Amino acid sequence: MIFDKWLVPDRMFGHYYEITPDMVRSLGRRALLCDIDNTLATYDDPLPPGPLTNWIEEMRQAGISIAFVSNNTRERVEQFNKPLGCVAFGKAGKPGTKYLQAACDRLEIDKKQAILLGDQLLTDCAAGKRFGIPAWIVPPIRDKKTLFFRLKRMLEKPYLRKYRRIHGVDQ
């Protein structure tokens, strides 16, 4: 398909906590540029849940930086990030790449040292691929059931199937 280049993720995981510092370092990477909503927490979590805080601390202890690049409002991102103190950008406009570059600049890394982590192919995966970094995808924690989100998820299905076929993952 024509959009395979932008919408087939590089890796898929069942949950963010399956990603370890060793996985990130094994690729010569030093940072995760993360979506928030449905990737690391639900839309209903105003603050990071305890397990997420622990995971971020584990990453930091291992020398892996975390930045949040979210399409949600700046206020949402700032409130969520307040206890963590990570580099964070709201209203990022993904699949645009402006704030991925800004995150790398703030972390003082080259983009070749970053990985994008998200839950949506049409925004997160496409942004990572357009930016030239690996796009790692997790399933949404608790997806919205609006028509818009159901349509987006339906559009993602052929690319998820292609990923599974390429990587020999059972449906």
N, C-alpha and C. Protein backbone atom coordinates (compact mmCIF):
# COMPACT_ATOMS: atom_id res chain seq x y z
N MET A 1 0.83 -1.19 0.00
CA MET A 1 0.00 0.00 0.00
C MET A 1 0.87 1.25 0.00
N ILE A 2 0.30 2.31 -0.46
CA ILE A 2 1.07 3.53 -0.64
C ILE A 2 1.57 4.14 0.68
N PHE A 3 0.84 3.99 1.77
CA PHE A 3 1.22 4.62 3.03
C PHE A 3 2.02 3.71 3.96
N ASP A 4 2.42 2.53 3.48
CA ASP A 4 3.18 1.59 4.32
C ASP A 4 4.41 2.26 4.93
N LYS A 5 5.07 3.08 4.14
CA LYS A 5 6.30 3.74 4.59
C LYS A 5 6.07 4.56 5.86
N TRP A 6 4.88 5.13 6.01
CA TRP A 6 4.60 6.03 7.13
C TRP A 6 3.79 5.38 8.25
N LEU A 7 3.04 4.31 7.93
CA LEU A 7 2.06 3.81 8.90
C LEU A 7 2.32 2.41 9.44
N VAL A 8 3.34 1.73 8.97
CA VAL A 8 3.68 0.43 9.55
C VAL A 8 4.75 0.67 10.62
N PRO A 9 4.43 0.38 11.88
CA PRO A 9 5.39 0.67 12.95
C PRO A 9 6.66 -0.19 12.85
N ASP A 10 7.71 0.27 13.50
CA ASP A 10 8.95 -0.49 13.55
C ASP A 10 8.87 -1.60 14.60
N ARG A 11 8.20 -1.33 15.69
CA ARG A 11 8.00 -2.34 16.75
C ARG A 11 6.63 -2.11 17.37
N MET A 12 6.06 -3.20 17.88
CA MET A 12 4.82 -3.09 18.63
C MET A 12 4.99 -3.84 19.94
N PHE A 13 4.40 -3.28 20.98
CA PHE A 13 4.47 -3.86 22.32
C PHE A 13 3.05 -3.91 22.88
N GLY A 14 2.83 -4.80 23.83
CA GLY A 14 1.53 -4.91 24.47
C GLY A 14 1.26 -3.78 25.44
N HIS A 15 2.32 -3.17 25.98
CA HIS A 15 2.19 -2.09 26.96
C HIS A 15 3.52 -1.36 27.04
N TYR A 16 3.50 -0.09 27.43
CA TYR A 16 4.74 0.67 27.49
C TYR A 16 5.77 0.03 28.42
N TYR A 17 5.34 -0.59 29.52
CA TYR A 17 6.30 -1.11 30.49
C TYR A 17 7.07 -2.33 29.99
N GLU A 18 6.70 -2.85 28.82
CA GLU A 18 7.50 -3.92 28.21
C GLU A 18 8.80 -3.38 27.61
N ILE A 19 8.87 -2.08 27.46
CA ILE A 19 10.06 -1.44 26.89
C ILE A 19 11.05 -1.22 28.03
N THR A 20 12.26 -1.72 27.84
CA THR A 20 13.28 -1.62 28.89
C THR A 20 14.41 -0.68 28.44
N PRO A 21 15.15 -0.17 29.40
CA PRO A 21 16.31 0.64 29.04
C PRO A 21 17.28 -0.12 28.13
N ASP A 22 17.47 -1.41 28.37
CA ASP A 22 18.38 -2.19 27.53
C ASP A 22 17.93 -2.24 26.08
N MET A 23 16.60 -2.34 25.84
CA MET A 23 16.08 -2.32 24.47
C MET A 23 16.44 -1.02 23.78
N VAL A 24 16.24 0.07 24.49
CA VAL A 24 16.50 1.39 23.91
C VAL A 24 17.99 1.55 23.63
N ARG A 25 18.81 1.20 24.61
CA ARG A 25 20.27 1.35 24.46
C ARG A 25 20.83 0.42 23.39
N SER A 26 20.22 -0.76 23.22
CA SER A 26 20.74 -1.73 22.24
C SER A 26 20.68 -1.17 20.82
N LEU A 27 19.83 -0.17 20.61
CA LEU A 27 19.72 0.48 19.30
C LEU A 27 20.55 1.76 19.23
N GLY A 28 21.34 2.00 20.27
CA GLY A 28 22.15 3.22 20.30
C GLY A 28 21.31 4.46 20.56
N ARG A 29 20.16 4.29 21.18
CA ARG A 29 19.25 5.41 21.44
C ARG A 29 19.35 5.85 22.89
N ARG A 30 19.06 7.12 23.13
CA ARG A 30 19.17 7.69 24.47
C ARG A 30 17.90 8.38 24.94
N ALA A 31 16.84 8.35 24.11
CA ALA A 31 15.63 9.08 24.49
C ALA A 31 14.39 8.45 23.87
N LEU A 32 13.30 8.56 24.62
CA LEU A 32 11.97 8.18 24.13
C LEU A 32 11.13 9.45 24.06
N LEU A 33 10.60 9.73 22.89
CA LEU A 33 9.68 10.84 22.70
C LEU A 33 8.28 10.24 22.74
N CYS A 34 7.57 10.49 23.83
CA CYS A 34 6.34 9.74 24.12
C CYS A 34 5.08 10.57 23.98
N ASP A 35 4.08 9.95 23.37
CA ASP A 35 2.72 10.42 23.46
C ASP A 35 2.27 10.15 24.89
N ILE A 36 1.22 10.80 25.35
CA ILE A 36 0.72 10.57 26.71
C ILE A 36 -0.56 9.74 26.68
N ASP A 37 -1.62 10.34 26.12
CA ASP A 37 -2.96 9.78 26.24
C ASP A 37 -3.11 8.48 25.45
N ASN A 38 -3.53 7.46 26.18
CA ASN A 38 -3.74 6.10 25.67
C ASN A 38 -2.44 5.37 25.36
N THR A 39 -1.30 6.04 25.51
CA THR A 39 0.00 5.40 25.37
C THR A 39 0.57 5.09 26.75
N LEU A 40 0.63 6.11 27.60
CA LEU A 40 1.19 5.98 28.94
C LEU A 40 0.13 6.05 30.03
N ALA A 41 -0.99 6.69 29.74
CA ALA A 41 -2.07 6.87 30.73
C ALA A 41 -3.37 7.06 29.97
N THR A 42 -4.47 6.96 30.68
CA THR A 42 -5.77 7.23 30.04
C THR A 42 -6.00 8.73 29.98
N TYR A 43 -6.95 9.14 29.18
CA TYR A 43 -7.33 10.56 29.12
C TYR A 43 -7.82 11.04 30.49
N ASP A 44 -8.30 10.12 31.32
CA ASP A 44 -8.86 10.47 32.62
C ASP A 44 -7.81 10.63 33.71
N ASP A 45 -6.57 10.28 33.45
CA ASP A 45 -5.51 10.39 34.45
C ASP A 45 -4.92 11.79 34.41
N PRO A 46 -5.29 12.66 35.35
CA PRO A 46 -4.73 14.02 35.32
C PRO A 46 -3.24 14.04 35.64
N LEU A 47 -2.81 13.06 36.42
CA LEU A 47 -1.40 12.93 36.81
C LEU A 47 -0.91 11.54 36.45
N PRO A 48 0.40 11.36 36.34
CA PRO A 48 0.92 10.04 35.97
C PRO A 48 0.63 8.99 37.05
N PRO A 49 0.12 7.83 36.66
CA PRO A 49 -0.09 6.75 37.63
C PRO A 49 1.27 6.28 38.19
N GLY A 50 1.23 5.70 39.39
CA GLY A 50 2.44 5.24 40.06
C GLY A 50 3.33 4.34 39.21
N PRO A 51 2.78 3.32 38.54
CA PRO A 51 3.64 2.46 37.73
C PRO A 51 4.36 3.22 36.61
N LEU A 52 3.71 4.23 36.03
CA LEU A 52 4.35 5.03 34.99
C LEU A 52 5.50 5.84 35.58
N THR A 53 5.27 6.43 36.74
CA THR A 53 6.33 7.20 37.41
C THR A 53 7.53 6.30 37.66
N ASN A 54 7.29 5.08 38.11
CA ASN A 54 8.39 4.13 38.37
C ASN A 54 9.13 3.79 37.08
N TRP A 55 8.39 3.57 35.99
CA TRP A 55 9.00 3.22 34.70
C TRP A 55 9.88 4.37 34.20
N ILE A 56 9.37 5.59 34.32
CA ILE A 56 10.14 6.76 33.89
C ILE A 56 11.41 6.89 34.73
N GLU A 57 11.28 6.66 36.02
CA GLU A 57 12.47 6.74 36.89
C GLU A 57 13.49 5.67 36.53
N GLU A 58 13.01 4.48 36.20
CA GLU A 58 13.91 3.40 35.77
C GLU A 58 14.66 3.81 34.49
N MET A 59 13.93 4.42 33.57
CA MET A 59 14.57 4.89 32.34
C MET A 59 15.63 5.94 32.66
N ARG A 60 15.26 6.90 33.48
CA ARG A 60 16.20 7.97 33.83
C ARG A 60 17.45 7.42 34.51
N GLN A 61 17.25 6.50 35.43
CA GLN A 61 18.39 5.89 36.14
C GLN A 61 19.34 5.21 35.17
N ALA A 62 18.81 4.72 34.07
CA ALA A 62 19.62 4.03 33.06
C ALA A 62 20.15 4.99 31.99
N GLY A 63 19.89 6.28 32.16
CA GLY A 63 20.41 7.26 31.20
C GLY A 63 19.53 7.49 29.99
N ILE A 64 18.28 7.04 30.06
CA ILE A 64 17.34 7.24 28.96
C ILE A 64 16.46 8.44 29.31
N SER A 65 16.46 9.45 28.46
CA SER A 65 15.63 10.64 28.68
C SER A 65 14.22 10.39 28.14
N ILE A 66 13.27 11.05 28.77
CA ILE A 66 11.87 10.98 28.35
C ILE A 66 11.39 12.38 28.02
N ALA A 67 10.73 12.52 26.90
CA ALA A 67 10.05 13.78 26.55
C ALA A 67 8.63 13.44 26.14
N PHE A 68 7.70 14.31 26.48
CA PHE A 68 6.31 14.13 26.08
C PHE A 68 6.03 15.04 24.89
N VAL A 69 5.47 14.44 23.83
CA VAL A 69 5.07 15.19 22.64
C VAL A 69 3.64 14.75 22.36
N SER A 70 2.69 15.59 22.76
CA SER A 70 1.28 15.22 22.74
C SER A 70 0.47 16.20 21.89
N ASN A 71 -0.56 15.68 21.27
CA ASN A 71 -1.50 16.54 20.54
C ASN A 71 -2.56 17.13 21.46
N ASN A 72 -2.59 16.71 22.71
CA ASN A 72 -3.56 17.25 23.64
C ASN A 72 -3.17 18.69 24.00
N THR A 73 -3.99 19.34 24.79
CA THR A 73 -3.76 20.75 25.13
C THR A 73 -2.48 20.94 25.94
N ARG A 74 -1.94 22.13 25.84
CA ARG A 74 -0.74 22.45 26.63
C ARG A 74 -1.04 22.33 28.12
N GLU A 75 -2.24 22.75 28.52
CA GLU A 75 -2.61 22.68 29.94
C GLU A 75 -2.62 21.22 30.43
N ARG A 76 -3.19 20.35 29.64
CA ARG A 76 -3.23 18.91 29.99
C ARG A 76 -1.81 18.37 30.15
N VAL A 77 -0.96 18.68 29.18
CA VAL A 77 0.40 18.16 29.19
C VAL A 77 1.20 18.73 30.36
N GLU A 78 1.05 20.04 30.62
CA GLU A 78 1.77 20.66 31.74
C GLU A 78 1.33 20.07 33.07
N GLN A 79 0.02 19.88 33.26
CA GLN A 79 -0.47 19.31 34.52
C GLN A 79 0.05 17.88 34.69
N PHE A 80 -0.03 17.08 33.65
CA PHE A 80 0.43 15.69 33.71
C PHE A 80 1.92 15.63 34.01
N ASN A 81 2.69 16.51 33.41
CA ASN A 81 4.14 16.49 33.53
C ASN A 81 4.66 17.12 34.82
N LYS A 82 3.85 17.89 35.49
CA LYS A 82 4.32 18.65 36.66
C LYS A 82 5.10 17.80 37.67
N PRO A 83 4.60 16.63 38.09
CA PRO A 83 5.37 15.84 39.06
C PRO A 83 6.61 15.15 38.47
N LEU A 84 6.72 15.11 37.16
CA LEU A 84 7.82 14.39 36.51
C LEU A 84 8.96 15.30 36.07
N GLY A 85 8.62 16.49 35.63
CA GLY A 85 9.64 17.43 35.18
C GLY A 85 10.35 17.03 33.90
N CYS A 86 9.65 16.36 33.01
CA CYS A 86 10.23 15.98 31.72
C CYS A 86 10.10 17.14 30.74
N VAL A 87 10.84 17.09 29.67
CA VAL A 87 10.62 17.98 28.55
C VAL A 87 9.23 17.64 28.02
N ALA A 88 8.41 18.65 27.75
CA ALA A 88 7.03 18.33 27.36
C ALA A 88 6.46 19.40 26.44
N PHE A 89 5.73 18.94 25.43
CA PHE A 89 5.08 19.82 24.47
C PHE A 89 3.65 19.35 24.25
N GLY A 90 2.69 20.26 24.39
CA GLY A 90 1.31 20.01 24.03
C GLY A 90 1.02 20.64 22.68
N LYS A 91 -0.17 20.36 22.14
CA LYS A 91 -0.57 20.89 20.84
C LYS A 91 0.54 20.69 19.81
N ALA A 92 1.07 19.48 19.77
CA ALA A 92 2.25 19.18 18.95
C ALA A 92 1.95 19.08 17.46
N GLY A 93 0.70 18.84 17.11
CA GLY A 93 0.36 18.79 15.69
C GLY A 93 0.92 17.59 14.96
N LYS A 94 1.08 16.46 15.67
CA LYS A 94 1.53 15.24 14.98
C LYS A 94 0.47 14.83 13.98
N PRO A 95 0.81 14.44 12.80
CA PRO A 95 2.09 13.88 12.36
C PRO A 95 3.15 14.89 11.96
N GLY A 96 2.94 16.17 12.24
CA GLY A 96 4.01 17.13 12.03
C GLY A 96 5.20 16.80 12.92
N THR A 97 6.36 17.28 12.56
CA THR A 97 7.59 16.88 13.28
C THR A 97 8.24 18.03 14.03
N LYS A 98 7.67 19.21 13.98
CA LYS A 98 8.28 20.38 14.61
C LYS A 98 8.63 20.14 16.08
N TYR A 99 7.69 19.56 16.82
CA TYR A 99 7.93 19.39 18.26
C TYR A 99 8.77 18.16 18.58
N LEU A 100 8.89 17.23 17.65
CA LEU A 100 9.85 16.14 17.83
C LEU A 100 11.26 16.73 17.77
N GLN A 101 11.48 17.63 16.82
CA GLN A 101 12.78 18.30 16.74
C GLN A 101 13.02 19.16 17.98
N ALA A 102 11.99 19.87 18.41
CA ALA A 102 12.13 20.72 19.60
C ALA A 102 12.48 19.87 20.83
N ALA A 103 11.87 18.69 20.94
CA ALA A 103 12.18 17.80 22.07
C ALA A 103 13.64 17.35 22.00
N CYS A 104 14.10 16.97 20.82
CA CYS A 104 15.50 16.57 20.67
C CYS A 104 16.43 17.73 21.02
N ASP A 105 16.08 18.92 20.58
CA ASP A 105 16.90 20.09 20.89
C ASP A 105 16.97 20.33 22.40
N ARG A 106 15.83 20.25 23.06
CA ARG A 106 15.80 20.47 24.52
C ARG A 106 16.55 19.37 25.27
N LEU A 107 16.52 18.14 24.74
CA LEU A 107 17.25 17.03 25.37
C LEU A 107 18.73 17.05 24.97
N GLU A 108 19.07 17.91 24.03
CA GLU A 108 20.44 18.03 23.53
C GLU A 108 20.95 16.72 22.94
N ILE A 109 20.10 16.15 22.08
CA ILE A 109 20.46 14.92 21.37
C ILE A 109 20.19 15.09 19.89
N ASP A 110 20.84 14.28 19.10
CA ASP A 110 20.53 14.18 17.69
C ASP A 110 19.31 13.28 17.54
N LYS A 111 18.52 13.49 16.52
CA LYS A 111 17.32 12.66 16.36
C LYS A 111 17.67 11.19 16.20
N LYS A 112 18.88 10.87 15.76
CA LYS A 112 19.30 9.47 15.62
C LYS A 112 19.43 8.77 16.97
N GLN A 113 19.27 9.53 18.05
CA GLN A 113 19.34 8.96 19.39
C GLN A 113 17.95 8.81 20.02
N ALA A 114 16.89 9.03 19.23
CA ALA A 114 15.53 9.03 19.77
C ALA A 114 14.67 7.94 19.14
N ILE A 115 13.64 7.58 19.87
CA ILE A 115 12.59 6.67 19.43
C ILE A 115 11.26 7.33 19.78
N LEU A 116 10.28 7.22 18.90
CA LEU A 116 8.95 7.73 19.22
C LEU A 116 8.09 6.59 19.75
N LEU A 117 7.36 6.84 20.84
CA LEU A 117 6.45 5.86 21.42
C LEU A 117 5.05 6.45 21.44
N GLY A 118 4.09 5.74 20.82
CA GLY A 118 2.72 6.22 20.78
C GLY A 118 1.73 5.09 20.60
N ASP A 119 0.46 5.47 20.45
CA ASP A 119 -0.59 4.45 20.28
C ASP A 119 -1.33 4.58 18.95
N GLN A 120 -1.12 5.66 18.20
CA GLN A 120 -1.88 5.87 16.97
C GLN A 120 -0.95 5.87 15.76
N LEU A 121 -1.34 5.14 14.74
CA LEU A 121 -0.53 5.09 13.53
C LEU A 121 -0.62 6.38 12.73
N LEU A 122 -1.81 6.97 12.66
CA LEU A 122 -2.02 8.14 11.81
C LEU A 122 -1.37 9.40 12.36
N THR A 123 -1.06 9.43 13.63
CA THR A 123 -0.41 10.60 14.22
C THR A 123 1.00 10.22 14.70
N ASP A 124 1.08 9.32 15.66
CA ASP A 124 2.37 9.00 16.28
C ASP A 124 3.32 8.29 15.33
N CYS A 125 2.88 7.19 14.76
CA CYS A 125 3.75 6.43 13.87
C CYS A 125 4.15 7.28 12.67
N ALA A 126 3.21 7.96 12.08
CA ALA A 126 3.52 8.79 10.91
C ALA A 126 4.50 9.90 11.27
N ALA A 127 4.36 10.49 12.45
CA ALA A 127 5.29 11.54 12.87
C ALA A 127 6.71 10.99 13.02
N GLY A 128 6.82 9.86 13.71
CA GLY A 128 8.14 9.26 13.88
C GLY A 128 8.79 8.91 12.56
N LYS A 129 8.04 8.29 11.68
CA LYS A 129 8.57 7.89 10.38
C LYS A 129 8.96 9.12 9.55
N ARG A 130 8.13 10.15 9.55
CA ARG A 130 8.44 11.37 8.80
C ARG A 130 9.69 12.04 9.36
N PHE A 131 9.89 11.93 10.67
CA PHE A 131 11.05 12.54 11.33
C PHE A 131 12.32 11.71 11.15
N GLY A 132 12.13 10.45 10.74
CA GLY A 132 13.28 9.58 10.49
C GLY A 132 13.77 8.84 11.71
N ILE A 133 12.86 8.56 12.65
CA ILE A 133 13.23 7.79 13.84
C ILE A 133 12.31 6.58 13.96
N PRO A 134 12.74 5.55 14.69
CA PRO A 134 11.86 4.39 14.87
C PRO A 134 10.56 4.78 15.56
N ALA A 135 9.48 4.17 15.11
CA ALA A 135 8.16 4.39 15.71
C ALA A 135 7.73 3.10 16.40
N TRP A 136 7.63 3.17 17.71
CA TRP A 136 7.17 2.04 18.52
C TRP A 136 5.74 2.32 18.95
N ILE A 137 4.89 1.33 18.81
CA ILE A 137 3.46 1.51 19.05
C ILE A 137 2.98 0.51 20.10
N VAL A 138 2.09 1.00 20.97
CA VAL A 138 1.38 0.15 21.92
C VAL A 138 -0.11 0.29 21.64
N PRO A 139 -0.91 -0.71 21.98
CA PRO A 139 -2.35 -0.54 21.78
C PRO A 139 -2.88 0.51 22.75
N PRO A 140 -3.96 1.18 22.39
CA PRO A 140 -4.52 2.20 23.29
C PRO A 140 -4.94 1.57 24.62
N ILE A 141 -4.67 2.26 25.70
CA ILE A 141 -5.03 1.76 27.03
C ILE A 141 -6.55 1.67 27.16
N ARG A 142 -7.23 2.75 26.86
CA ARG A 142 -8.70 2.77 26.86
C ARG A 142 -9.13 3.76 25.80
N ASP A 143 -9.46 3.24 24.65
CA ASP A 143 -9.75 4.08 23.50
C ASP A 143 -11.08 4.79 23.65
N LYS A 144 -11.16 5.97 23.07
CA LYS A 144 -12.43 6.67 22.99
C LYS A 144 -13.32 5.93 21.99
N LYS A 145 -14.62 5.99 22.20
CA LYS A 145 -15.56 5.27 21.35
C LYS A 145 -16.30 6.18 20.38
N THR A 146 -15.82 7.39 20.20
CA THR A 146 -16.49 8.30 19.27
C THR A 146 -16.33 7.78 17.85
N LEU A 147 -17.18 8.26 16.98
CA LEU A 147 -17.13 7.86 15.57
C LEU A 147 -15.76 8.20 14.97
N PHE A 148 -15.22 9.36 15.31
CA PHE A 148 -13.91 9.79 14.80
C PHE A 148 -12.83 8.77 15.16
N PHE A 149 -12.78 8.37 16.43
CA PHE A 149 -11.75 7.42 16.86
C PHE A 149 -11.99 6.03 16.28
N ARG A 150 -13.24 5.62 16.17
CA ARG A 150 -13.52 4.31 15.57
C ARG A 150 -13.09 4.30 14.11
N LEU A 151 -13.31 5.39 13.40
CA LEU A 151 -12.88 5.49 12.02
C LEU A 151 -11.36 5.44 11.91
N LYS A 152 -10.66 6.19 12.78
CA LYS A 152 -9.20 6.18 12.75
C LYS A 152 -8.67 4.77 13.00
N ARG A 153 -9.25 4.07 13.96
CA ARG A 153 -8.78 2.71 14.26
C ARG A 153 -9.06 1.77 13.10
N MET A 154 -10.17 1.96 12.42
CA MET A 154 -10.49 1.13 11.26
C MET A 154 -9.45 1.37 10.14
N LEU A 155 -9.05 2.61 9.95
CA LEU A 155 -8.04 2.94 8.94
C LEU A 155 -6.67 2.35 9.27
N GLU A 156 -6.40 2.12 10.55
CA GLU A 156 -5.12 1.57 10.98
C GLU A 156 -5.00 0.06 10.74
N LYS A 157 -6.12 -0.63 10.69
CA LYS A 157 -6.11 -2.10 10.65
C LYS A 157 -5.23 -2.72 9.57
N PRO A 158 -5.28 -2.26 8.31
CA PRO A 158 -4.42 -2.91 7.30
C PRO A 158 -2.93 -2.77 7.61
N TYR A 159 -2.54 -1.68 8.25
CA TYR A 159 -1.12 -1.46 8.56
C TYR A 159 -0.69 -2.29 9.75
N LEU A 160 -1.60 -2.50 10.69
CA LEU A 160 -1.30 -3.40 11.81
C LEU A 160 -1.18 -4.84 11.30
N ARG A 161 -2.06 -5.23 10.37
CA ARG A 161 -1.96 -6.57 9.77
C ARG A 161 -0.63 -6.73 9.04
N LYS A 162 -0.24 -5.71 8.31
CA LYS A 162 1.03 -5.78 7.58
C LYS A 162 2.20 -5.93 8.55
N TYR A 163 2.19 -5.19 9.63
CA TYR A 163 3.25 -5.32 10.64
C TYR A 163 3.31 -6.77 11.14
N ARG A 164 2.15 -7.31 11.49
CA ARG A 164 2.10 -8.68 12.02
C ARG A 164 2.60 -9.70 10.99
N ARG A 165 2.24 -9.49 9.73
CA ARG A 165 2.69 -10.39 8.67
C ARG A 165 4.21 -10.30 8.51
N ILE A 166 4.75 -9.11 8.47
CA ILE A 166 6.19 -8.90 8.30
C ILE A 166 6.97 -9.53 9.46
N HIS A 167 6.44 -9.38 10.67
CA HIS A 167 7.16 -9.82 11.87
C HIS A 167 6.72 -11.19 12.38
N GLY A 168 5.84 -11.85 11.63
CA GLY A 168 5.42 -13.19 12.03
C GLY A 168 4.67 -13.25 13.34
N VAL A 169 3.90 -12.20 13.62
CA VAL A 169 3.12 -12.13 14.85
C VAL A 169 1.74 -12.69 14.57
N ASP A 170 1.28 -13.59 15.45
CA ASP A 170 -0.06 -14.15 15.27
C ASP A 170 -1.11 -13.06 15.39
N GLN A 171 -2.14 -13.21 14.59
CA GLN A 171 -3.26 -12.26 14.63
C GLN A 171 -3.95 -12.43 15.89
